[in-house]
N, C-alpha and C. Protein backbone atom coordinates (compact mmCIF):
# COMPACT_ATOMS: atom_id res chain seq x y z
N MET A 1 120.99 168.82 96.64
CA MET A 1 120.87 167.53 95.97
C MET A 1 122.16 166.72 96.11
N ILE A 2 123.33 167.45 95.92
CA ILE A 2 124.63 166.77 96.03
C ILE A 2 124.84 166.30 97.45
N HIS A 3 124.43 167.12 98.43
CA HIS A 3 124.61 166.78 99.85
C HIS A 3 123.80 165.53 100.21
N GLN A 4 122.55 165.43 99.73
CA GLN A 4 121.72 164.26 100.00
C GLN A 4 122.30 162.99 99.40
N SER A 5 122.83 163.11 98.18
CA SER A 5 123.43 161.95 97.51
C SER A 5 124.64 161.46 98.27
N THR A 6 125.43 162.41 98.81
CA THR A 6 126.62 162.02 99.58
C THR A 6 126.22 161.33 100.87
N ASP A 7 125.13 161.84 101.51
CA ASP A 7 124.64 161.22 102.75
C ASP A 7 124.19 159.80 102.52
N LYS A 8 123.46 159.57 101.41
CA LYS A 8 122.96 158.22 101.09
C LYS A 8 124.13 157.28 100.85
N LYS A 9 125.15 157.80 100.17
CA LYS A 9 126.33 156.96 99.88
C LYS A 9 127.06 156.61 101.15
N ASN A 10 127.19 157.56 102.07
CA ASN A 10 127.86 157.30 103.34
C ASN A 10 127.08 156.30 104.18
N ASN A 11 125.75 156.42 104.16
CA ASN A 11 124.90 155.48 104.92
C ASN A 11 125.05 154.06 104.38
N PHE A 12 125.11 153.95 103.07
CA PHE A 12 125.26 152.64 102.42
C PHE A 12 126.57 151.98 102.80
N ILE A 13 127.66 152.80 102.77
CA ILE A 13 128.98 152.29 103.13
C ILE A 13 128.99 151.85 104.59
N PHE A 14 128.32 152.63 105.44
CA PHE A 14 128.27 152.30 106.87
C PHE A 14 127.56 150.96 107.11
N LEU A 15 126.47 150.74 106.38
CA LEU A 15 125.72 149.48 106.52
C LEU A 15 126.55 148.29 106.08
N ILE A 16 127.29 148.45 105.00
CA ILE A 16 128.16 147.34 104.53
C ILE A 16 129.23 147.01 105.57
N ILE A 17 129.87 148.05 106.11
CA ILE A 17 130.90 147.83 107.14
C ILE A 17 130.34 147.16 108.37
N ALA A 18 129.14 147.61 108.78
CA ALA A 18 128.48 147.03 109.95
C ALA A 18 128.16 145.56 109.72
N PHE A 19 127.67 145.26 108.52
CA PHE A 19 127.34 143.86 108.18
C PHE A 19 128.57 142.97 108.22
N LEU A 20 129.65 143.47 107.62
CA LEU A 20 130.91 142.69 107.62
C LEU A 20 131.43 142.49 109.03
N PHE A 21 131.32 143.51 109.85
CA PHE A 21 131.77 143.43 111.24
C PHE A 21 130.98 142.38 112.02
N LEU A 22 129.67 142.42 111.87
CA LEU A 22 128.81 141.46 112.60
C LEU A 22 129.06 140.05 112.11
N SER A 23 129.25 139.87 110.80
CA SER A 23 129.51 138.55 110.22
C SER A 23 130.80 138.00 110.77
N THR A 24 131.82 138.86 110.87
CA THR A 24 133.13 138.43 111.40
C THR A 24 133.00 138.01 112.85
N VAL A 25 132.24 138.75 113.63
CA VAL A 25 132.03 138.39 115.03
C VAL A 25 131.35 137.06 115.16
N ASN A 26 130.31 136.84 114.34
CA ASN A 26 129.57 135.57 114.42
C ASN A 26 130.46 134.40 114.05
N ILE A 27 131.27 134.57 113.00
CA ILE A 27 132.13 133.47 112.55
C ILE A 27 133.15 133.16 113.62
N LYS A 28 133.77 134.18 114.22
CA LYS A 28 134.80 133.95 115.22
C LYS A 28 134.25 133.28 116.46
N ASN A 29 132.97 133.54 116.78
CA ASN A 29 132.41 133.06 118.01
C ASN A 29 131.40 131.92 117.81
N LYS A 30 131.42 131.27 116.65
CA LYS A 30 130.42 130.22 116.39
C LYS A 30 130.53 129.07 117.38
N ASN A 31 131.78 128.73 117.81
CA ASN A 31 131.95 127.65 118.78
C ASN A 31 131.32 128.05 120.12
N PHE A 32 131.45 129.30 120.46
CA PHE A 32 130.87 129.76 121.72
C PHE A 32 129.35 129.81 121.63
N ILE A 33 128.83 130.26 120.46
CA ILE A 33 127.38 130.38 120.30
C ILE A 33 126.71 129.01 120.21
N PHE A 34 127.29 128.12 119.43
CA PHE A 34 126.63 126.83 119.18
C PHE A 34 127.19 125.68 120.04
N GLY A 35 128.45 125.71 120.38
CA GLY A 35 129.01 124.73 121.28
C GLY A 35 129.10 123.32 120.72
N ASN A 36 129.44 122.39 121.61
CA ASN A 36 129.53 120.98 121.26
C ASN A 36 128.29 120.24 121.72
N VAL A 37 128.09 119.05 121.15
CA VAL A 37 126.91 118.25 121.49
C VAL A 37 127.00 117.81 122.94
N GLU A 38 125.99 118.17 123.70
CA GLU A 38 125.95 117.79 125.11
C GLU A 38 124.86 116.74 125.36
N ALA A 39 123.81 116.74 124.54
CA ALA A 39 122.70 115.81 124.75
C ALA A 39 122.15 115.34 123.43
N ILE A 40 121.86 114.03 123.33
CA ILE A 40 121.27 113.43 122.13
C ILE A 40 119.96 112.77 122.55
N LYS A 41 118.90 113.11 121.82
CA LYS A 41 117.60 112.51 122.13
C LYS A 41 117.05 111.81 120.87
N VAL A 42 116.62 110.57 121.03
CA VAL A 42 116.05 109.79 119.93
C VAL A 42 114.59 109.52 120.22
N ILE A 43 113.72 109.85 119.28
CA ILE A 43 112.28 109.66 119.47
C ILE A 43 111.68 109.00 118.22
N GLY A 44 110.47 108.46 118.37
CA GLY A 44 109.74 107.95 117.23
C GLY A 44 109.49 106.45 117.25
N LEU A 45 110.35 105.70 117.97
CA LEU A 45 110.21 104.24 118.05
C LEU A 45 109.77 103.84 119.45
N ASP A 46 109.68 102.51 119.68
CA ASP A 46 109.43 102.04 121.05
C ASP A 46 110.57 102.50 121.95
N HIS A 47 110.25 102.64 123.22
CA HIS A 47 111.20 103.21 124.17
C HIS A 47 112.55 102.47 124.16
N HIS A 48 112.51 101.13 124.17
CA HIS A 48 113.75 100.38 124.27
C HIS A 48 114.61 100.54 123.00
N LEU A 49 113.97 100.72 121.86
CA LEU A 49 114.72 100.93 120.62
C LEU A 49 115.32 102.33 120.58
N ASN A 50 114.51 103.31 121.01
CA ASN A 50 115.06 104.69 121.09
C ASN A 50 116.28 104.72 121.98
N LYS A 51 116.18 104.07 123.14
CA LYS A 51 117.26 104.09 124.11
C LYS A 51 118.50 103.40 123.55
N SER A 52 118.30 102.26 122.86
CA SER A 52 119.43 101.51 122.30
C SER A 52 120.18 102.33 121.26
N ILE A 53 119.43 102.97 120.36
CA ILE A 53 120.05 103.79 119.32
C ILE A 53 120.74 104.99 119.92
N GLN A 54 120.09 105.58 120.93
CA GLN A 54 120.69 106.73 121.62
C GLN A 54 122.04 106.39 122.22
N GLU A 55 122.12 105.19 122.81
CA GLU A 55 123.38 104.75 123.39
C GLU A 55 124.45 104.60 122.32
N ASN A 56 124.06 104.08 121.16
CA ASN A 56 125.04 103.86 120.09
C ASN A 56 125.47 105.15 119.38
N LEU A 57 124.80 106.24 119.70
CA LEU A 57 125.16 107.54 119.09
C LEU A 57 125.93 108.41 120.07
N LYS A 58 126.35 107.85 121.17
CA LYS A 58 127.08 108.63 122.15
C LYS A 58 128.43 109.12 121.64
N TYR A 59 128.89 108.52 120.55
CA TYR A 59 130.17 108.95 119.97
C TYR A 59 130.09 110.42 119.50
N LEU A 60 128.86 110.92 119.32
CA LEU A 60 128.68 112.31 118.88
C LEU A 60 128.83 113.31 120.01
N ASN A 61 128.81 112.84 121.24
CA ASN A 61 128.94 113.72 122.39
C ASN A 61 130.28 114.47 122.32
N ASP A 62 130.24 115.74 122.66
CA ASP A 62 131.40 116.62 122.70
C ASP A 62 131.91 117.00 121.33
N LYS A 63 131.25 116.55 120.26
CA LYS A 63 131.63 117.00 118.92
C LYS A 63 130.95 118.33 118.64
N GLU A 64 131.63 119.18 117.89
CA GLU A 64 131.05 120.47 117.55
C GLU A 64 129.79 120.26 116.75
N ILE A 65 128.69 120.82 117.19
CA ILE A 65 127.38 120.51 116.62
C ILE A 65 127.27 120.91 115.13
N LEU A 66 128.03 121.91 114.72
CA LEU A 66 127.98 122.32 113.31
C LEU A 66 128.88 121.49 112.41
N SER A 67 129.75 120.69 113.00
CA SER A 67 130.70 119.92 112.18
C SER A 67 130.35 118.44 112.11
N ILE A 68 129.16 118.05 112.56
CA ILE A 68 128.76 116.65 112.52
C ILE A 68 128.66 116.20 111.06
N ASN A 69 129.27 115.09 110.76
CA ASN A 69 129.27 114.55 109.40
C ASN A 69 127.90 113.92 109.10
N LYS A 70 127.14 114.58 108.20
CA LYS A 70 125.78 114.14 107.89
C LYS A 70 125.78 112.76 107.23
N GLU A 71 126.73 112.53 106.32
CA GLU A 71 126.78 111.25 105.63
C GLU A 71 127.10 110.10 106.61
N GLU A 72 128.00 110.36 107.53
CA GLU A 72 128.34 109.34 108.52
C GLU A 72 127.15 109.02 109.40
N LEU A 73 126.44 110.05 109.82
CA LEU A 73 125.26 109.87 110.68
C LEU A 73 124.16 109.13 109.90
N SER A 74 123.95 109.51 108.65
CA SER A 74 122.94 108.85 107.84
C SER A 74 123.25 107.37 107.66
N LYS A 75 124.51 107.05 107.41
CA LYS A 75 124.93 105.66 107.26
C LYS A 75 124.70 104.87 108.53
N LYS A 76 124.96 105.53 109.66
CA LYS A 76 124.79 104.88 110.95
C LYS A 76 123.32 104.53 111.20
N ILE A 77 122.42 105.50 110.93
CA ILE A 77 120.99 105.29 111.16
C ILE A 77 120.44 104.28 110.15
N SER A 78 120.90 104.31 108.91
CA SER A 78 120.41 103.40 107.87
C SER A 78 120.81 101.96 108.16
N SER A 79 121.78 101.74 109.04
CA SER A 79 122.18 100.37 109.37
C SER A 79 121.11 99.66 110.19
N TYR A 80 120.18 100.43 110.75
CA TYR A 80 119.05 99.83 111.46
C TYR A 80 117.95 99.58 110.41
N ASN A 81 117.83 98.32 109.99
CA ASN A 81 116.96 97.98 108.86
C ASN A 81 115.49 98.27 109.09
N TYR A 82 115.09 98.45 110.33
CA TYR A 82 113.68 98.69 110.63
C TYR A 82 113.31 100.17 110.59
N ILE A 83 114.24 101.03 110.19
CA ILE A 83 113.94 102.46 110.09
C ILE A 83 113.64 102.82 108.64
N GLU A 84 112.49 103.44 108.44
CA GLU A 84 112.07 103.85 107.10
C GLU A 84 112.77 105.14 106.69
N ASN A 85 112.70 106.14 107.56
CA ASN A 85 113.40 107.41 107.33
C ASN A 85 113.59 108.11 108.66
N PHE A 86 114.33 109.22 108.64
CA PHE A 86 114.60 109.94 109.88
C PHE A 86 114.87 111.41 109.59
N LYS A 87 114.76 112.18 110.66
CA LYS A 87 115.04 113.62 110.58
C LYS A 87 115.93 114.02 111.75
N VAL A 88 116.92 114.85 111.46
CA VAL A 88 117.83 115.32 112.51
C VAL A 88 117.55 116.79 112.74
N SER A 89 117.34 117.13 113.99
CA SER A 89 117.10 118.54 114.38
C SER A 89 118.21 118.97 115.33
N LYS A 90 118.83 120.08 115.01
CA LYS A 90 119.84 120.63 115.89
C LYS A 90 119.23 121.73 116.74
N LEU A 91 119.08 121.49 118.03
CA LEU A 91 118.51 122.47 118.95
C LEU A 91 119.68 123.19 119.61
N TYR A 92 120.00 124.32 119.06
CA TYR A 92 121.16 125.09 119.55
C TYR A 92 120.92 125.57 120.97
N PRO A 93 121.92 125.62 121.83
CA PRO A 93 123.31 125.51 121.39
C PRO A 93 123.92 124.12 121.34
N ASP A 94 123.37 123.13 122.07
CA ASP A 94 124.13 121.88 122.22
C ASP A 94 123.29 120.63 122.25
N ASN A 95 122.08 120.64 121.69
CA ASN A 95 121.22 119.46 121.71
C ASN A 95 120.96 118.94 120.30
N LEU A 96 120.88 117.61 120.20
CA LEU A 96 120.64 116.96 118.91
C LEU A 96 119.43 116.04 119.10
N VAL A 97 118.42 116.17 118.24
CA VAL A 97 117.22 115.36 118.33
C VAL A 97 117.05 114.59 117.01
N LEU A 98 116.92 113.27 117.12
CA LEU A 98 116.69 112.40 115.96
C LEU A 98 115.28 111.87 116.03
N THR A 99 114.48 112.16 115.02
CA THR A 99 113.13 111.65 114.92
C THR A 99 113.11 110.52 113.91
N LEU A 100 112.81 109.31 114.37
CA LEU A 100 112.88 108.15 113.51
C LEU A 100 111.48 107.64 113.17
N LYS A 101 111.34 107.11 111.95
CA LYS A 101 110.08 106.50 111.55
C LYS A 101 110.32 105.03 111.25
N GLN A 102 109.59 104.16 111.92
CA GLN A 102 109.75 102.72 111.73
C GLN A 102 109.05 102.29 110.44
N THR A 103 109.67 101.35 109.73
CA THR A 103 109.06 100.82 108.51
C THR A 103 107.80 100.00 108.85
N THR A 104 106.91 99.87 107.90
CA THR A 104 105.73 99.06 108.08
C THR A 104 106.02 97.63 107.66
N PHE A 105 105.74 96.65 108.51
CA PHE A 105 106.04 95.27 108.21
C PHE A 105 104.94 94.67 107.32
N LEU A 106 105.37 93.98 106.24
CA LEU A 106 104.44 93.46 105.26
C LEU A 106 104.32 91.95 105.26
N ALA A 107 105.40 91.26 105.60
CA ALA A 107 105.42 89.79 105.53
C ALA A 107 106.61 89.28 106.31
N SER A 108 106.65 87.96 106.45
CA SER A 108 107.81 87.32 107.07
C SER A 108 108.36 86.25 106.14
N THR A 109 109.61 85.86 106.36
CA THR A 109 110.22 84.84 105.53
C THR A 109 111.33 84.14 106.30
N LEU A 110 111.84 83.06 105.76
CA LEU A 110 112.98 82.34 106.33
C LEU A 110 114.16 82.42 105.40
N LYS A 111 115.31 82.80 105.92
CA LYS A 111 116.54 82.84 105.19
C LYS A 111 117.61 82.12 106.01
N GLN A 112 118.08 81.01 105.46
CA GLN A 112 119.08 80.18 106.15
C GLN A 112 118.61 79.85 107.59
N ASN A 113 117.37 79.39 107.65
CA ASN A 113 116.73 78.94 108.91
C ASN A 113 116.57 80.05 109.95
N LYS A 114 116.65 81.29 109.52
CA LYS A 114 116.42 82.42 110.42
C LYS A 114 115.21 83.21 109.90
N LYS A 115 114.36 83.61 110.83
CA LYS A 115 113.14 84.31 110.46
C LYS A 115 113.36 85.83 110.36
N TYR A 116 112.83 86.39 109.28
CA TYR A 116 112.95 87.83 109.06
C TYR A 116 111.60 88.42 108.73
N LEU A 117 111.49 89.72 108.99
CA LEU A 117 110.35 90.50 108.53
C LEU A 117 110.76 91.31 107.31
N ILE A 118 109.81 91.60 106.46
CA ILE A 118 110.09 92.44 105.28
C ILE A 118 109.28 93.72 105.44
N GLY A 119 109.96 94.86 105.34
CA GLY A 119 109.30 96.13 105.51
C GLY A 119 109.05 96.84 104.20
N THR A 120 108.29 97.93 104.27
CA THR A 120 108.03 98.73 103.08
C THR A 120 109.29 99.37 102.55
N ASN A 121 110.37 99.35 103.34
CA ASN A 121 111.64 99.89 102.88
C ASN A 121 112.46 98.85 102.12
N ALA A 122 111.85 97.68 101.83
CA ALA A 122 112.47 96.60 101.06
C ALA A 122 113.73 96.05 101.73
N LYS A 123 113.70 95.97 103.08
CA LYS A 123 114.83 95.42 103.80
C LYS A 123 114.37 94.22 104.64
N LEU A 124 115.32 93.32 104.93
CA LEU A 124 115.06 92.19 105.80
C LEU A 124 115.39 92.61 107.23
N ILE A 125 114.47 92.33 108.14
CA ILE A 125 114.60 92.79 109.52
C ILE A 125 114.53 91.58 110.45
N ASP A 126 115.44 91.52 111.38
CA ASP A 126 115.51 90.42 112.34
C ASP A 126 114.17 90.30 113.08
N HIS A 127 113.52 89.16 112.93
CA HIS A 127 112.21 88.95 113.55
C HIS A 127 112.27 88.97 115.07
N ASP A 128 113.43 88.60 115.63
CA ASP A 128 113.56 88.52 117.09
C ASP A 128 113.41 89.89 117.74
N ILE A 129 113.65 90.96 116.99
CA ILE A 129 113.51 92.31 117.55
C ILE A 129 112.04 92.67 117.71
N PHE A 130 111.21 92.13 116.83
CA PHE A 130 109.76 92.42 116.84
C PHE A 130 109.00 91.09 116.83
N GLU A 131 108.76 90.53 117.99
CA GLU A 131 108.20 89.18 118.07
C GLU A 131 106.69 89.13 117.86
N ASN A 132 106.00 90.21 118.00
CA ASN A 132 104.54 90.18 117.96
C ASN A 132 103.99 90.48 116.55
N HIS A 133 104.54 89.80 115.56
CA HIS A 133 104.08 90.00 114.18
C HIS A 133 103.89 88.66 113.48
N ASN A 134 103.23 87.76 114.18
CA ASN A 134 103.02 86.42 113.63
C ASN A 134 101.79 86.35 112.73
N ASP A 135 101.07 87.46 112.61
CA ASP A 135 99.87 87.45 111.78
C ASP A 135 100.14 87.87 110.33
N LEU A 136 101.40 88.10 110.01
CA LEU A 136 101.75 88.52 108.66
C LEU A 136 101.81 87.32 107.70
N PRO A 137 101.58 87.55 106.41
CA PRO A 137 101.74 86.45 105.44
C PRO A 137 103.20 86.00 105.36
N THR A 138 103.38 84.78 104.95
CA THR A 138 104.72 84.20 104.85
C THR A 138 105.14 84.08 103.39
N ILE A 139 106.40 84.40 103.12
CA ILE A 139 106.92 84.28 101.75
C ILE A 139 107.90 83.11 101.69
N TYR A 140 107.71 82.24 100.71
CA TYR A 140 108.60 81.11 100.51
C TYR A 140 109.35 81.28 99.20
N GLY A 141 110.60 80.87 99.20
CA GLY A 141 111.39 80.95 97.97
C GLY A 141 112.54 81.92 98.10
N ASN A 142 113.44 81.88 97.13
CA ASN A 142 114.62 82.72 97.15
C ASN A 142 114.36 84.00 96.35
N PHE A 143 113.73 84.93 96.97
CA PHE A 143 113.27 86.15 96.31
C PHE A 143 114.11 87.34 96.78
N LYS A 144 114.01 88.43 96.04
CA LYS A 144 114.59 89.69 96.46
C LYS A 144 113.47 90.55 97.06
N PRO A 145 113.72 91.21 98.19
CA PRO A 145 112.69 92.06 98.79
C PRO A 145 112.10 93.08 97.81
N GLU A 146 112.95 93.60 96.91
CA GLU A 146 112.45 94.59 95.93
C GLU A 146 111.37 93.99 95.02
N ASP A 147 111.57 92.71 94.65
CA ASP A 147 110.58 92.02 93.80
C ASP A 147 109.26 91.83 94.53
N PHE A 148 109.35 91.52 95.83
CA PHE A 148 108.13 91.35 96.60
C PHE A 148 107.40 92.68 96.75
N ILE A 149 108.12 93.76 97.00
CA ILE A 149 107.49 95.09 97.14
C ILE A 149 106.76 95.45 95.83
N LEU A 150 107.36 95.09 94.71
CA LEU A 150 106.71 95.36 93.42
C LEU A 150 105.40 94.61 93.32
N LEU A 151 105.39 93.33 93.71
CA LEU A 151 104.14 92.53 93.70
C LEU A 151 103.15 93.13 94.69
N LYS A 152 103.62 93.48 95.88
CA LYS A 152 102.73 94.06 96.91
C LYS A 152 102.02 95.31 96.37
N ASN A 153 102.72 96.14 95.68
CA ASN A 153 102.13 97.35 95.13
C ASN A 153 101.10 97.04 94.04
N LYS A 154 101.36 95.98 93.27
CA LYS A 154 100.40 95.59 92.26
C LYS A 154 99.11 95.08 92.91
N ILE A 155 99.25 94.34 94.00
CA ILE A 155 98.09 93.84 94.72
C ILE A 155 97.32 94.99 95.35
N LYS A 156 98.05 95.96 95.88
CA LYS A 156 97.42 97.14 96.47
C LYS A 156 96.53 97.88 95.47
N ASN A 157 96.97 97.91 94.22
CA ASN A 157 96.22 98.60 93.16
C ASN A 157 95.23 97.71 92.44
N SER A 158 95.04 96.50 92.96
CA SER A 158 94.11 95.54 92.34
C SER A 158 92.89 95.35 93.25
N PRO A 159 91.86 94.60 92.78
CA PRO A 159 90.67 94.37 93.63
C PRO A 159 90.93 93.39 94.76
N LEU A 160 92.03 92.63 94.69
CA LEU A 160 92.32 91.67 95.76
C LEU A 160 92.67 92.37 97.06
N GLU A 161 92.34 91.75 98.18
CA GLU A 161 92.66 92.32 99.48
C GLU A 161 93.96 91.68 100.00
N TYR A 162 94.94 92.53 100.26
CA TYR A 162 96.22 92.01 100.72
C TYR A 162 96.08 91.32 102.07
N ASN A 163 95.24 91.84 102.93
CA ASN A 163 95.05 91.28 104.27
C ASN A 163 94.42 89.88 104.24
N ASN A 164 93.93 89.48 103.08
CA ASN A 164 93.31 88.15 102.97
C ASN A 164 94.30 87.10 102.47
N ILE A 165 95.54 87.50 102.27
CA ILE A 165 96.59 86.60 101.76
C ILE A 165 97.39 86.04 102.94
N ILE A 166 97.65 84.74 102.91
CA ILE A 166 98.43 84.12 104.00
C ILE A 166 99.79 83.63 103.55
N ASN A 167 99.94 83.34 102.25
CA ASN A 167 101.23 82.81 101.77
C ASN A 167 101.55 83.34 100.38
N PHE A 168 102.86 83.55 100.16
CA PHE A 168 103.39 83.88 98.83
C PHE A 168 104.45 82.81 98.49
N PHE A 169 104.49 82.40 97.24
CA PHE A 169 105.48 81.42 96.80
C PHE A 169 106.20 82.01 95.58
N PHE A 170 107.53 82.11 95.70
CA PHE A 170 108.33 82.65 94.60
C PHE A 170 109.14 81.52 93.99
N TYR A 171 109.15 81.48 92.66
CA TYR A 171 109.81 80.39 91.92
C TYR A 171 111.04 80.92 91.16
N PRO A 172 112.00 80.03 90.89
CA PRO A 172 113.20 80.44 90.13
C PRO A 172 112.89 81.06 88.78
N SER A 173 111.72 80.80 88.25
CA SER A 173 111.31 81.38 86.97
C SER A 173 110.80 82.81 87.16
N PHE A 174 110.95 83.36 88.39
CA PHE A 174 110.53 84.71 88.73
C PHE A 174 109.00 84.88 88.64
N ARG A 175 108.33 83.83 89.01
CA ARG A 175 106.87 83.84 88.99
C ARG A 175 106.36 83.62 90.41
N TRP A 176 105.15 84.17 90.68
CA TRP A 176 104.57 84.11 92.00
C TRP A 176 103.29 83.30 92.04
N ASP A 177 103.05 82.59 93.17
CA ASP A 177 101.77 82.05 93.53
C ASP A 177 101.29 82.75 94.81
N ILE A 178 99.98 82.89 94.93
CA ILE A 178 99.39 83.52 96.11
C ILE A 178 98.37 82.56 96.71
N GLU A 179 98.37 82.45 98.03
CA GLU A 179 97.35 81.63 98.72
C GLU A 179 96.60 82.51 99.71
N ASN A 180 95.25 82.49 99.63
CA ASN A 180 94.48 83.33 100.54
C ASN A 180 93.92 82.50 101.71
N LYS A 181 93.14 83.15 102.57
CA LYS A 181 92.64 82.50 103.78
C LYS A 181 91.60 81.42 103.52
N ASN A 182 91.04 81.40 102.31
CA ASN A 182 90.12 80.33 101.92
C ASN A 182 90.84 79.19 101.23
N ASN A 183 92.17 79.20 101.38
CA ASN A 183 93.03 78.18 100.76
C ASN A 183 92.91 78.14 99.24
N ILE A 184 92.59 79.29 98.66
CA ILE A 184 92.57 79.41 97.20
C ILE A 184 93.95 79.85 96.74
N THR A 185 94.52 79.08 95.85
CA THR A 185 95.84 79.41 95.31
C THR A 185 95.70 80.04 93.93
N ILE A 186 96.34 81.17 93.74
CA ILE A 186 96.33 81.84 92.44
C ILE A 186 97.72 81.74 91.83
N LYS A 187 97.81 81.07 90.70
CA LYS A 187 99.09 80.92 90.01
C LYS A 187 99.18 82.08 88.99
N LEU A 188 100.07 83.03 89.29
CA LEU A 188 100.19 84.21 88.47
C LEU A 188 101.16 83.97 87.31
N PRO A 189 100.96 84.68 86.20
CA PRO A 189 101.91 84.57 85.08
C PRO A 189 103.17 85.38 85.36
N TYR A 190 104.17 85.19 84.55
CA TYR A 190 105.40 85.99 84.69
C TYR A 190 105.16 87.44 84.28
N LYS A 191 104.34 87.61 83.23
CA LYS A 191 104.00 88.94 82.74
C LYS A 191 102.50 89.22 82.94
N ASN A 192 102.14 90.48 82.74
CA ASN A 192 100.73 90.89 82.81
C ASN A 192 100.09 90.52 84.15
N ILE A 193 100.80 90.75 85.22
CA ILE A 193 100.32 90.40 86.57
C ILE A 193 99.08 91.23 86.92
N ASP A 194 99.08 92.51 86.55
CA ASP A 194 97.96 93.38 86.89
C ASP A 194 96.62 92.84 86.37
N GLU A 195 96.63 92.41 85.09
CA GLU A 195 95.43 91.87 84.48
C GLU A 195 95.02 90.55 85.14
N ALA A 196 96.04 89.72 85.51
CA ALA A 196 95.76 88.44 86.14
C ALA A 196 95.11 88.63 87.52
N LEU A 197 95.52 89.63 88.25
CA LEU A 197 94.95 89.89 89.59
C LEU A 197 93.49 90.30 89.47
N ILE A 198 93.20 91.13 88.49
CA ILE A 198 91.81 91.52 88.27
C ILE A 198 90.95 90.32 87.88
N GLN A 199 91.50 89.51 87.01
CA GLN A 199 90.78 88.31 86.54
C GLN A 199 90.55 87.34 87.69
N ALA A 200 91.56 87.17 88.56
CA ALA A 200 91.43 86.26 89.70
C ALA A 200 90.31 86.68 90.63
N LYS A 201 90.22 87.99 90.87
CA LYS A 201 89.16 88.51 91.75
C LYS A 201 87.78 88.24 91.16
N LYS A 202 87.62 88.40 89.86
CA LYS A 202 86.34 88.15 89.20
C LYS A 202 85.95 86.69 89.32
N ILE A 203 86.94 85.80 89.16
CA ILE A 203 86.68 84.36 89.24
C ILE A 203 86.27 83.97 90.67
N ILE A 204 86.97 84.53 91.67
CA ILE A 204 86.65 84.24 93.05
C ILE A 204 85.25 84.70 93.40
N ASP A 205 84.87 85.89 92.95
CA ASP A 205 83.57 86.47 93.26
C ASP A 205 82.41 85.75 92.58
N SER A 206 82.67 85.15 91.43
CA SER A 206 81.61 84.51 90.67
C SER A 206 81.53 83.00 90.85
N ASN A 207 82.39 82.47 91.69
CA ASN A 207 82.38 81.01 91.92
C ASN A 207 82.49 80.73 93.43
N ASN A 208 81.93 79.63 93.85
CA ASN A 208 82.01 79.22 95.24
C ASN A 208 83.27 78.39 95.42
N LEU A 209 84.40 79.07 95.53
CA LEU A 209 85.68 78.39 95.59
C LEU A 209 86.19 78.31 97.03
N GLU A 210 86.79 77.18 97.32
CA GLU A 210 87.47 76.99 98.60
C GLU A 210 88.44 75.83 98.44
N GLY A 211 89.70 76.11 98.66
CA GLY A 211 90.71 75.08 98.49
C GLY A 211 90.99 74.78 97.04
N ASP A 212 90.61 75.69 96.16
CA ASP A 212 90.82 75.47 94.73
C ASP A 212 92.08 76.22 94.23
N THR A 213 92.46 75.89 93.01
CA THR A 213 93.61 76.56 92.39
C THR A 213 93.13 77.26 91.11
N ILE A 214 93.49 78.54 91.00
CA ILE A 214 93.20 79.29 89.78
C ILE A 214 94.51 79.47 89.05
N ASP A 215 94.63 78.82 87.95
CA ASP A 215 95.88 78.83 87.17
C ASP A 215 95.74 79.83 86.03
N LEU A 216 96.51 80.95 86.16
CA LEU A 216 96.45 82.00 85.14
C LEU A 216 97.80 82.17 84.45
N ARG A 217 98.59 81.11 84.45
CA ARG A 217 99.95 81.23 83.90
C ARG A 217 99.96 81.37 82.39
N ILE A 218 98.96 80.80 81.73
CA ILE A 218 98.90 80.87 80.26
C ILE A 218 97.95 81.97 79.86
N LYS A 219 98.40 82.86 78.97
CA LYS A 219 97.57 83.99 78.56
C LYS A 219 96.30 83.51 77.88
N ASN A 220 95.19 84.20 78.22
CA ASN A 220 93.86 83.90 77.66
C ASN A 220 93.36 82.50 78.00
N GLN A 221 93.87 81.96 79.10
CA GLN A 221 93.44 80.62 79.51
C GLN A 221 93.34 80.55 81.03
N VAL A 222 92.23 80.03 81.52
CA VAL A 222 92.02 79.84 82.95
C VAL A 222 91.80 78.39 83.27
N ILE A 223 92.56 77.86 84.22
CA ILE A 223 92.40 76.46 84.62
C ILE A 223 92.04 76.42 86.09
N LEU A 224 90.85 75.88 86.39
CA LEU A 224 90.41 75.71 87.76
C LEU A 224 90.58 74.24 88.15
N SER A 225 91.17 74.05 89.31
CA SER A 225 91.39 72.65 89.77
C SER A 225 91.31 72.62 91.29
N ASN A 226 91.12 71.43 91.81
CA ASN A 226 91.10 71.23 93.26
C ASN A 226 92.24 70.29 93.60
N GLU A 227 93.41 70.88 93.79
CA GLU A 227 94.61 70.08 94.01
C GLU A 227 94.74 69.66 95.48
């Protein structure tokens, strides 16, 4: 019994020593095993965008793959406003793959006479980069993208169809108007927007409206007019 106990103890000590030895070898040789970045591949977007971003990430070449600053890389990728999110994969020993996801474009707007797209990531994106998006609704007024995304989500959860909207108007009072493809304008209140959207849909469905205005700014009051 004593002999077996001693053997087990010796085996345990041997395993610990072996583990420490192997760990030391791996640590000392990590540069040899993993090496420096030799190739960077960017995927997920249109070819010309992938290529452009790939060129701008060449500063990572020859850097040790395990020592790449994640925060620096994240900041670099986030500077491209049309990217929703991304994933970095390290293909050892020396390859880096970035998988990018483009944001979904929701609308367009003008800021200081320059046209921008607004994405689901609540960022303004240079329209010149993506020219084939002229079918999106237009937003007028000095709004914050975050405020528009909030309204967009409310519309998504309402009976109204977002794809039927052609214009949004934002006012300094933080209130929105919506115009659809039948030239029906819905004047929304500052508060209780969810209820107003439901009410607007009911009014549109129960009336033969075209080019009319549905004024829902005052609570418990509906004003229909043909402006």
